[in-house]
């Protein structure tokens, strides 16, 4: 996400607290937040896939997703 887009998210958040947002601005804010979250989650997933945990025997094993109960 580009710096201008993050600044726009912050600008809309400040405006929402002070004077409120129009319907178009609310939609823009929702779209920007959704894009930010998608990119954040993708970056976090890539980071976690690169993590290796050292085992007791000295080998390294990638992280595994926790299985739901």
C-alpha atoms as a PDB file:
ATOM      1  CA  UNK A   1       0.000   0.000   0.000  1.00  0.00           C
ATOM      2  CA  UNK A   2       1.348   3.378  -0.933  1.00  0.00           C
ATOM      3  CA  UNK A   3       2.046   6.130   1.559  1.00  0.00           C
ATOM      4  CA  UNK A   4      -0.645   8.366   0.032  1.00  0.00           C
ATOM      5  CA  UNK A   5      -3.283   5.686   0.605  1.00  0.00           C
ATOM      6  CA  UNK A   6      -2.308   5.287   4.270  1.00  0.00           C
ATOM      7  CA  UNK A   7      -2.396   9.063   4.689  1.00  0.00           C
ATOM      8  CA  UNK A   8      -5.880   9.079   3.134  1.00  0.00           C
ATOM      9  CA  UNK A   9      -7.057   6.408   5.608  1.00  0.00           C
ATOM     10  CA  UNK A  10      -5.796   8.551   8.476  1.00  0.00           C
ATOM     11  CA  UNK A  11      -7.316  11.714   6.996  1.00  0.00           C
ATOM     12  CA  UNK A  12     -10.721  10.046   6.705  1.00  0.00           C
ATOM     13  CA  UNK A  13     -10.467   8.728  10.282  1.00  0.00           C
ATOM     14  CA  UNK A  14      -9.731  12.226  11.610  1.00  0.00           C
ATOM     15  CA  UNK A  15     -12.568  13.721   9.576  1.00  0.00           C
ATOM     16  CA  UNK A  16     -14.981  11.045  10.806  1.00  0.00           C
ATOM     17  CA  UNK A  17     -14.214  12.004  14.426  1.00  0.00           C
ATOM     18  CA  UNK A  18     -14.712  15.719  13.826  1.00  0.00           C
ATOM     19  CA  UNK A  19     -17.362  16.439  11.190  1.00  0.00           C
ATOM     20  CA  UNK A  20     -18.422  13.030   9.914  1.00  0.00           C
ATOM     21  CA  UNK A  21     -18.144  11.447   6.489  1.00  0.00           C
ATOM     22  CA  UNK A  22     -20.383  11.458   3.454  1.00  0.00           C
ATOM     23  CA  UNK A  23     -21.674   8.184   2.028  1.00  0.00           C
ATOM     24  CA  UNK A  24     -18.991   8.242  -0.700  1.00  0.00           C
ATOM     25  CA  UNK A  25     -16.262   8.843   1.875  1.00  0.00           C
ATOM     26  CA  UNK A  26     -17.537   5.974   4.031  1.00  0.00           C
ATOM     27  CA  UNK A  27     -17.337   3.658   1.023  1.00  0.00           C
ATOM     28  CA  UNK A  28     -13.838   4.911   0.191  1.00  0.00           C
ATOM     29  CA  UNK A  29     -12.737   4.387   3.792  1.00  0.00           C
ATOM     30  CA  UNK A  30     -14.116   0.837   3.838  1.00  0.00           C
ATOM     31  CA  UNK A  31     -12.387  -0.019   0.552  1.00  0.00           C
ATOM     32  CA  UNK A  32      -9.046   1.413   1.703  1.00  0.00           C
ATOM     33  CA  UNK A  33      -9.244  -0.425   5.026  1.00  0.00           C
ATOM     34  CA  UNK A  34     -10.084  -3.701   3.284  1.00  0.00           C
ATOM     35  CA  UNK A  35      -7.126  -3.271   0.928  1.00  0.00           C
ATOM     36  CA  UNK A  36      -4.821  -2.444   3.857  1.00  0.00           C
ATOM     37  CA  UNK A  37      -5.946  -5.544   5.768  1.00  0.00           C
ATOM     38  CA  UNK A  38      -5.514  -7.816   2.716  1.00  0.00           C
ATOM     39  CA  UNK A  39      -1.964  -6.575   2.194  1.00  0.00           C
ATOM     40  CA  UNK A  40      -1.129  -6.765   5.906  1.00  0.00           C
ATOM     41  CA  UNK A  41      -2.376 -10.351   6.145  1.00  0.00           C
ATOM     42  CA  UNK A  42      -0.468 -11.388   3.010  1.00  0.00           C
ATOM     43  CA  UNK A  43       2.750  -9.877   4.382  1.00  0.00           C
ATOM     44  CA  UNK A  44       2.223 -11.553   7.759  1.00  0.00           C
ATOM     45  CA  UNK A  45       1.564 -14.901   6.094  1.00  0.00           C
ATOM     46  CA  UNK A  46       4.783 -14.587   4.063  1.00  0.00           C
ATOM     47  CA  UNK A  47       6.726 -13.709   7.210  1.00  0.00           C
ATOM     48  CA  UNK A  48       5.325 -16.665   9.126  1.00  0.00           C
ATOM     49  CA  UNK A  49       6.087 -19.043   6.260  1.00  0.00           C
ATOM     50  CA  UNK A  50       9.737 -17.970   6.422  1.00  0.00           C
ATOM     51  CA  UNK A  51      10.007 -18.734  10.166  1.00  0.00           C
ATOM     52  CA  UNK A  52      11.760 -21.956  11.139  1.00  0.00           C
ATOM     53  CA  UNK A  53      11.756 -23.409  14.661  1.00  0.00           C
ATOM     54  CA  UNK A  54      14.832 -25.190  15.951  1.00  0.00           C
ATOM     55  CA  UNK A  55      14.014 -28.643  17.290  1.00  0.00           C
ATOM     56  CA  UNK A  56      15.730 -30.384  20.203  1.00  0.00           C
ATOM     57  CA  UNK A  57      17.876 -32.419  17.793  1.00  0.00           C
ATOM     58  CA  UNK A  58      19.194 -29.270  16.100  1.00  0.00           C
ATOM     59  CA  UNK A  59      17.080 -29.469  12.955  1.00  0.00           C
ATOM     60  CA  UNK A  60      14.792 -26.699  11.807  1.00  0.00           C
ATOM     61  CA  UNK A  61      11.118 -27.218  11.100  1.00  0.00           C
ATOM     62  CA  UNK A  62       8.673 -24.731   9.512  1.00  0.00           C
ATOM     63  CA  UNK A  63       5.735 -23.480  11.516  1.00  0.00           C
ATOM     64  CA  UNK A  64       2.514 -25.410  11.087  1.00  0.00           C
ATOM     65  CA  UNK A  65      -0.997 -24.032  11.235  1.00  0.00           C
ATOM     66  CA  UNK A  66      -2.870 -24.949  14.376  1.00  0.00           C
ATOM     67  CA  UNK A  67      -5.649 -27.433  13.712  1.00  0.00           C
ATOM     68  CA  UNK A  68      -9.125 -26.334  14.866  1.00  0.00           C
ATOM     69  CA  UNK A  69     -10.689 -28.389  17.639  1.00  0.00           C
END
